[in-house]
PDB file of N, CA and C in Angstrom:
ATOM      1  N   ASP A   1      24.400  18.454   6.258  1.00  0.00           N
ATOM      2  CA  ASP A   1      24.716  18.268   8.026  1.00  0.00           C
ATOM      3  C   ASP A   1      22.944  18.716   7.721  1.00  0.00           C
ATOM      4  N   ARG A   2      22.077  19.624   7.334  1.00  0.00           N
ATOM      5  CA  ARG A   2      21.298  19.841   7.614  1.00  0.00           C
ATOM      6  C   ARG A   2      19.794  18.507   7.670  1.00  0.00           C
ATOM      7  N   ILE A   3      19.958  17.848   6.589  1.00  0.00           N
ATOM      8  CA  ILE A   3      19.119  16.720   6.212  1.00  0.00           C
ATOM      9  C   ILE A   3      18.237  16.226   7.761  1.00  0.00           C
ATOM     10  N   PRO A   4      19.105  15.916   8.499  1.00  0.00           N
ATOM     11  CA  PRO A   4      18.374  14.914   9.744  1.00  0.00           C
ATOM     12  C   PRO A   4      17.367  16.270  10.321  1.00  0.00           C
ATOM     13  N   ASP A   5      17.832  17.166  10.213  1.00  0.00           N
ATOM     14  CA  ASP A   5      16.614  18.358  10.899  1.00  0.00           C
ATOM     15  C   ASP A   5      15.763  18.878  10.425  1.00  0.00           C
ATOM     16  N   PHE A   6      15.573  18.587   8.527  1.00  0.00           N
ATOM     17  CA  PHE A   6      14.629  18.664   8.081  1.00  0.00           C
ATOM     18  C   PHE A   6      13.704  18.047   7.891  1.00  0.00           C
ATOM     19  N   LYS A   7      14.162  16.290   8.176  1.00  0.00           N
ATOM     20  CA  LYS A   7      13.084  14.909   8.326  1.00  0.00           C
ATOM     21  C   LYS A   7      12.416  15.105   9.961  1.00  0.00           C
ATOM     22  N   VAL A   8      13.198  15.807  10.504  1.00  0.00           N
ATOM     23  CA  VAL A   8      11.982  16.009  12.031  1.00  0.00           C
ATOM     24  C   VAL A   8      11.066  16.805  12.046  1.00  0.00           C
ATOM     25  N   LEU A   9      11.378  17.966  11.086  1.00  0.00           N
ATOM     26  CA  LEU A   9      10.088  19.118  10.876  1.00  0.00           C
ATOM     27  C   LEU A   9       9.478  18.341   9.561  1.00  0.00           C
ATOM     28  N   ALA A  10       9.572  17.413   9.247  1.00  0.00           N
ATOM     29  CA  ALA A  10       8.754  16.578   8.092  1.00  0.00           C
ATOM     30  C   ALA A  10       7.960  15.920   9.241  1.00  0.00           C
ATOM     31  N   VAL A  11       8.065  15.152   9.951  1.00  0.00           N
ATOM     32  CA  VAL A  11       7.336  14.550  10.687  1.00  0.00           C
ATOM     33  C   VAL A  11       6.482  15.813  11.351  1.00  0.00           C
ATOM     34  N   GLN A  12       7.450  16.752  12.086  1.00  0.00           N
ATOM     35  CA  GLN A  12       6.213  17.829  12.945  1.00  0.00           C
ATOM     36  C   GLN A  12       5.293  18.308  12.232  1.00  0.00           C
ATOM     37  N   ALA A  13       5.492  18.754  11.065  1.00  0.00           N
ATOM     38  CA  ALA A  13       4.212  18.990   9.628  1.00  0.00           C
ATOM     39  C   ALA A  13       3.674  17.947   9.607  1.00  0.00           C
ATOM     40  N   ALA A  14       3.723  17.118   9.375  1.00  0.00           N
ATOM     41  CA  ALA A  14       2.915  15.966   9.023  1.00  0.00           C
ATOM     42  C   ALA A  14       1.843  15.226  10.418  1.00  0.00           C
ATOM     43  N   ALA A  15       2.633  15.318  11.262  1.00  0.00           N
ATOM     44  CA  ALA A  15       1.749  15.187  12.798  1.00  0.00           C
ATOM     45  C   ALA A  15       0.844  16.505  12.729  1.00  0.00           C
ATOM     46  N   LYS A  16       0.632  17.905  12.337  1.00  0.00           N
ATOM     47  CA  LYS A  16       0.027  18.775  12.619  1.00  0.00           C
ATOM     48  C   LYS A  16      -1.172  18.136  11.582  1.00  0.00           C
ATOM     49  N   VAL A  17      -0.609  18.293  10.279  1.00  0.00           N
ATOM     50  CA  VAL A  17      -1.520  17.579   9.447  1.00  0.00           C
ATOM     51  C   VAL A  17      -2.516  16.484   9.778  1.00  0.00           C
ATOM     52  N   ALA A  18      -2.335  15.475  10.408  1.00  0.00           N
ATOM     53  CA  ALA A  18      -2.682  14.665  10.708  1.00  0.00           C
ATOM     54  C   ALA A  18      -3.722  14.700  12.065  1.00  0.00           C
ATOM     55  N   ASN A  19      -2.909  15.585  12.537  1.00  0.00           N
ATOM     56  CA  ASN A  19      -4.071  15.868  14.011  1.00  0.00           C
ATOM     57  C   ASN A  19      -4.605  14.564  14.848  1.00  0.00           C
ATOM     58  N   GLY A  20      -3.717  13.904  14.975  1.00  0.00           N
ATOM     59  CA  GLY A  20      -4.002  12.553  15.343  1.00  0.00           C
ATOM     60  C   GLY A  20      -4.989  11.580  15.023  1.00  0.00           C
ATOM     61  N   ARG A  21      -5.588  11.788  13.632  1.00  0.00           N
ATOM     62  CA  ARG A  21      -6.144  10.703  12.584  1.00  0.00           C
ATOM     63  C   ARG A  21      -5.036   9.692  12.253  1.00  0.00           C
ATOM     64  N   SER A  22      -5.990   8.539  12.155  1.00  0.00           N
ATOM     65  CA  SER A  22      -5.229   7.617  11.824  1.00  0.00           C
ATOM     66  C   SER A  22      -4.728   7.180  10.134  1.00  0.00           C
ATOM     67  N   GLY A  23      -4.329   7.096   9.208  1.00  0.00           N
ATOM     68  CA  GLY A  23      -4.101   6.765   7.778  1.00  0.00           C
ATOM     69  C   GLY A  23      -3.299   7.337   7.657  1.00  0.00           C
ATOM     70  N   PHE A  24      -2.233   8.095   8.356  1.00  0.00           N
ATOM     71  CA  PHE A  24      -0.754   9.316   7.643  1.00  0.00           C
ATOM     72  C   PHE A  24       0.411   8.215   7.870  1.00  0.00           C
ATOM     73  N   GLY A  25       0.967   8.412   7.144  1.00  0.00           N
ATOM     74  CA  GLY A  25       2.090   7.688   7.077  1.00  0.00           C
ATOM     75  C   GLY A  25       3.731   8.506   6.632  1.00  0.00           C
ATOM     76  N   MET A  26       4.836   8.059   6.466  1.00  0.00           N
ATOM     77  CA  MET A  26       5.915   8.767   6.217  1.00  0.00           C
ATOM     78  C   MET A  26       7.301   7.752   5.035  1.00  0.00           C
ATOM     79  N   LEU A  27       8.090   7.866   4.537  1.00  0.00           N
ATOM     80  CA  LEU A  27       8.907   6.926   4.547  1.00  0.00           C
ATOM     81  C   LEU A  27      10.397   7.486   4.574  1.00  0.00           C
ATOM     82  N   ILE A  28      10.688   7.053   6.026  1.00  0.00           N
ATOM     83  CA  ILE A  28      11.982   7.418   6.624  1.00  0.00           C
ATOM     84  C   ILE A  28      13.362   6.785   6.356  1.00  0.00           C
ATOM     85  N   ASP A  29      14.357   6.935   6.480  1.00  0.00           N
ATOM     86  CA  ASP A  29      15.475   6.575   6.089  1.00  0.00           C
ATOM     87  C   ASP A  29      15.811   6.340   7.486  1.00  0.00           C
ATOM     88  N   GLY A  30      16.634   4.871   7.805  1.00  0.00           N
ATOM     89  CA  GLY A  30      17.513   5.181   9.199  1.00  0.00           C
ATOM     90  C   GLY A  30      18.860   6.185   8.849  1.00  0.00           C
ATOM     91  N   THR A  31      19.068   6.102   7.521  1.00  0.00           N
ATOM     92  CA  THR A  31      20.835   6.394   7.510  1.00  0.00           C
ATOM     93  C   THR A  31      20.622   8.425   8.364  1.00  0.00           C
ATOM     94  N   TYR A  32      19.630   8.961   7.188  1.00  0.00           N
ATOM     95  CA  TYR A  32      19.972  10.305   7.566  1.00  0.00           C
ATOM     96  C   TYR A  32      18.171  10.752   8.150  1.00  0.00           C
ATOM     97  N   GLY A  33      17.553   9.866   8.763  1.00  0.00           N
ATOM     98  CA  GLY A  33      16.227   9.940   9.901  1.00  0.00           C
ATOM     99  C   GLY A  33      15.801   9.341  10.977  1.00  0.00           C
ATOM    100  N   ARG A  34      17.258   9.079  11.340  1.00  0.00           N
ATOM    101  CA  ARG A  34      17.288   8.232  12.618  1.00  0.00           C
ATOM    102  C   ARG A  34      16.429   8.937  13.500  1.00  0.00           C
ATOM    103  N   GLU A  35      16.481  10.193  13.956  1.00  0.00           N
ATOM    104  CA  GLU A  35      15.632  11.261  14.812  1.00  0.00           C
ATOM    105  C   GLU A  35      14.329  11.292  14.233  1.00  0.00           C
ATOM    106  N   ALA A  36      14.288  11.385  12.844  1.00  0.00           N
ATOM    107  CA  ALA A  36      13.301  11.437  12.667  1.00  0.00           C
ATOM    108  C   ALA A  36      11.684  10.279  12.889  1.00  0.00           C
ATOM    109  N   LEU A  37      12.492   9.285  12.553  1.00  0.00           N
ATOM    110  CA  LEU A  37      12.145   7.476  13.128  1.00  0.00           C
ATOM    111  C   LEU A  37      11.598   7.787  14.446  1.00  0.00           C
ATOM    112  N   PHE A  38      12.383   8.283  15.498  1.00  0.00           N
ATOM    113  CA  PHE A  38      12.008   8.573  16.900  1.00  0.00           C
ATOM    114  C   PHE A  38      10.802   9.004  16.950  1.00  0.00           C
ATOM    115  N   ARG A  39      10.846  10.069  16.337  1.00  0.00           N
ATOM    116  CA  ARG A  39      10.057  11.432  16.611  1.00  0.00           C
ATOM    117  C   ARG A  39       8.741  10.976  15.860  1.00  0.00           C
ATOM    118  N   ALA A  40       8.446  10.092  14.668  1.00  0.00           N
ATOM    119  CA  ALA A  40       7.453   9.586  13.943  1.00  0.00           C
ATOM    120  C   ALA A  40       6.292   8.617  15.143  1.00  0.00           C
ATOM    121  N   ALA A  41       7.286   7.567  15.861  1.00  0.00           N
ATOM    122  CA  ALA A  41       6.809   6.795  16.499  1.00  0.00           C
ATOM    123  C   ALA A  41       5.979   7.179  17.995  1.00  0.00           C
ATOM    124  N   ASP A  42       6.209   8.719  17.816  1.00  0.00           N
ATOM    125  CA  ASP A  42       4.796   9.230  18.637  1.00  0.00           C
ATOM    126  C   ASP A  42       3.979   9.643  18.324  1.00  0.00           C
ATOM    127  N   HIS A  43       3.351   9.229  17.058  1.00  0.00           N
ATOM    128  CA  HIS A  43       2.417   9.194  16.227  1.00  0.00           C
ATOM    129  C   HIS A  43       1.894   7.994  15.807  1.00  0.00           C
ATOM    130  N   PRO A  44       0.627   8.003  15.505  1.00  0.00           N
ATOM    131  CA  PRO A  44       0.219   6.672  14.745  1.00  0.00           C
ATOM    132  C   PRO A  44       0.421   6.836  13.511  1.00  0.00           C
ATOM    133  N   PHE A  45       1.292   6.918  13.334  1.00  0.00           N
ATOM    134  CA  PHE A  45       1.940   6.390  11.272  1.00  0.00           C
ATOM    135  C   PHE A  45       2.066   5.363  11.153  1.00  0.00           C
ATOM    136  N   TRP A  46       2.003   5.143  10.054  1.00  0.00           N
ATOM    137  CA  TRP A  46       2.463   4.128   9.140  1.00  0.00           C
ATOM    138  C   TRP A  46       3.895   5.020   8.705  1.00  0.00           C
ATOM    139  N   ILE A  47       5.183   3.764   8.708  1.00  0.00           N
ATOM    140  CA  ILE A  47       6.001   4.183   8.422  1.00  0.00           C
ATOM    141  C   ILE A  47       6.772   2.556   7.563  1.00  0.00           C
ATOM    142  N   GLY A  48       7.134   3.569   6.326  1.00  0.00           N
ATOM    143  CA  GLY A  48       7.971   3.067   5.533  1.00  0.00           C
ATOM    144  C   GLY A  48       9.662   2.801   5.312  1.00  0.00           C
ATOM    145  N   ARG A  49      10.448   2.153   5.161  1.00  0.00           N
ATOM    146  CA  ARG A  49      11.767   2.271   5.501  1.00  0.00           C
ATOM    147  C   ARG A  49      12.416   1.860   4.203  1.00  0.00           C
ATOM    148  N   PRO A  50      13.352   2.222   3.670  1.00  0.00           N
ATOM    149  CA  PRO A  50      14.301   1.760   2.275  1.00  0.00           C
ATOM    150  C   PRO A  50      15.146   0.627   2.697  1.00  0.00           C
ATOM    151  N   VAL A  51      15.244  -0.207   1.601  1.00  0.00           N
ATOM    152  CA  VAL A  51      16.393  -0.956   2.493  1.00  0.00           C
ATOM    153  C   VAL A  51      17.425  -1.128   1.312  1.00  0.00           C
ATOM    154  N   GLU A  52      17.570  -0.258   0.424  1.00  0.00           N
ATOM    155  CA  GLU A  52      18.947  -0.067  -0.265  1.00  0.00           C
ATOM    156  C   GLU A  52      19.833   1.171  -0.235  1.00  0.00           C
ATOM    157  N   LEU A  53      20.840   1.036  -0.536  1.00  0.00           N
ATOM    158  CA  LEU A  53      22.117   2.072   0.370  1.00  0.00           C
ATOM    159  C   LEU A  53      22.054   2.974  -1.449  1.00  0.00           C
ATOM    160  N   PRO A  54      21.510   4.197  -0.769  1.00  0.00           N
ATOM    161  CA  PRO A  54      21.031   5.197  -1.638  1.00  0.00           C
ATOM    162  C   PRO A  54      22.479   5.157  -2.902  1.00  0.00           C
ATOM    163  N   GLY A  55      21.726   5.529  -4.175  1.00  0.00           N
ATOM    164  CA  GLY A  55      23.235   5.433  -5.109  1.00  0.00           C
ATOM    165  C   GLY A  55      23.001   4.310  -5.251  1.00  0.00           C
ATOM    166  N   SER A  56      23.519   3.335  -5.068  1.00  0.00           N
ATOM    167  CA  SER A  56      24.505   1.810  -4.749  1.00  0.00           C
ATOM    168  C   SER A  56      24.204   1.672  -6.166  1.00  0.00           C
ATOM    169  N   ARG A  57      25.104   1.198  -7.257  1.00  0.00           N
ATOM    170  CA  ARG A  57      24.406   0.144  -8.518  1.00  0.00           C
ATOM    171  C   ARG A  57      25.940  -0.772  -8.682  1.00  0.00           C
ATOM    172  N   PRO A  58      25.874  -1.820  -8.523  1.00  0.00           N
ATOM    173  CA  PRO A  58      25.068  -2.871  -8.348  1.00  0.00           C
ATOM    174  C   PRO A  58      23.667  -2.360  -6.918  1.00  0.00           C
ATOM    175  N   LEU A  59      22.724  -2.676  -6.670  1.00  0.00           N
ATOM    176  CA  LEU A  59      21.952  -2.936  -5.804  1.00  0.00           C
ATOM    177  C   LEU A  59      22.731  -3.191  -4.498  1.00  0.00           C
ATOM    178  N   ASP A  60      22.156  -2.506  -3.223  1.00  0.00           N
ATOM    179  CA  ASP A  60      23.695  -3.021  -1.967  1.00  0.00           C
ATOM    180  C   ASP A  60      22.382  -2.613  -1.099  1.00  0.00           C
ATOM    181  N   PHE A  61      22.206  -3.031   0.314  1.00  0.00           N
ATOM    182  CA  PHE A  61      21.273  -2.785   1.184  1.00  0.00           C
ATOM    183  C   PHE A  61      22.088  -2.324   2.336  1.00  0.00           C
ATOM    184  N   GLU A  62      21.095  -0.912   2.327  1.00  0.00           N
ATOM    185  CA  GLU A  62      21.502  -0.465   4.071  1.00  0.00           C
ATOM    186  C   GLU A  62      22.014  -1.182   4.796  1.00  0.00           C
ATOM    187  N   GLY A  63      22.981  -0.888   5.669  1.00  0.00           N
ATOM    188  CA  GLY A  63      23.654  -1.519   6.649  1.00  0.00           C
ATOM    189  C   GLY A  63      24.604  -2.722   6.255  1.00  0.00           C
ATOM    190  N   GLY A  64      24.374  -3.055   4.989  1.00  0.00           N
ATOM    191  CA  GLY A  64      25.180  -4.242   4.736  1.00  0.00           C
ATOM    192  C   GLY A  64      24.867  -5.705   5.300  1.00  0.00           C
ATOM    193  N   GLY A  65      25.144  -6.758   5.013  1.00  0.00           N
ATOM    194  CA  GLY A  65      24.560  -7.780   5.536  1.00  0.00           C
ATOM    195  C   GLY A  65      23.255  -8.432   4.905  1.00  0.00           C
ATOM    196  N   SER A  66      22.186  -9.031   5.514  1.00  0.00           N
ATOM    197  CA  SER A  66      21.661 -10.163   5.196  1.00  0.00           C
ATOM    198  C   SER A  66      20.008  -9.183   5.401  1.00  0.00           C
ATOM    199  N   ILE A  67      19.422  -8.999   4.522  1.00  0.00           N
ATOM    200  CA  ILE A  67      18.265  -7.941   4.725  1.00  0.00           C
ATOM    201  C   ILE A  67      17.210  -8.626   5.311  1.00  0.00           C
ATOM    202  N   GLY A  68      16.900 -10.109   5.693  1.00  0.00           N
ATOM    203  CA  GLY A  68      16.342 -11.151   6.361  1.00  0.00           C
ATOM    204  C   GLY A  68      16.661 -10.590   7.847  1.00  0.00           C
ATOM    205  N   ALA A  69      17.750 -10.283   8.185  1.00  0.00           N
ATOM    206  CA  ALA A  69      18.175  -9.827   9.436  1.00  0.00           C
ATOM    207  C   ALA A  69      18.222  -8.424   9.902  1.00  0.00           C
ATOM    208  N   LYS A  70      17.770  -7.624   8.902  1.00  0.00           N
ATOM    209  CA  LYS A  70      17.437  -6.661   9.026  1.00  0.00           C
ATOM    210  C   LYS A  70      15.828  -6.524   8.882  1.00  0.00           C
ATOM    211  N   LEU A  71      15.348  -7.160   8.489  1.00  0.00           N
ATOM    212  CA  LEU A  71      13.694  -6.769   8.710  1.00  0.00           C
ATOM    213  C   LEU A  71      13.409  -7.613   9.942  1.00  0.00           C
ATOM    214  N   VAL A  72      14.132  -8.624  10.680  1.00  0.00           N
ATOM    215  CA  VAL A  72      13.956  -9.016  11.844  1.00  0.00           C
ATOM    216  C   VAL A  72      14.219  -7.439  13.106  1.00  0.00           C
ATOM    217  N   GLU A  73      15.184  -7.127  13.081  1.00  0.00           N
ATOM    218  CA  GLU A  73      15.793  -6.065  13.364  1.00  0.00           C
ATOM    219  C   GLU A  73      14.413  -4.995  13.637  1.00  0.00           C
ATOM    220  N   TRP A  74      14.117  -4.642  12.652  1.00  0.00           N
ATOM    221  CA  TRP A  74      12.771  -3.815  12.536  1.00  0.00           C
ATOM    222  C   TRP A  74      11.723  -3.788  13.320  1.00  0.00           C
TER     223      TRP A  74
END
């Protein structure tokens, strides 16, 4: 339950370290990091997002469906 809050705190910490400078970024998922993604967009960060469903074996994509459709959505 606290993972989304932690990810928001991580964005706040990264913003403080970056201090408005470019070249900083974060890896944030859309499952537990949705609010963090919104907050990160307020900064000049690069943002990487995972495409795999955590723990899936065999590999499955987050959100199901086509990975191409997900990339277009992003």
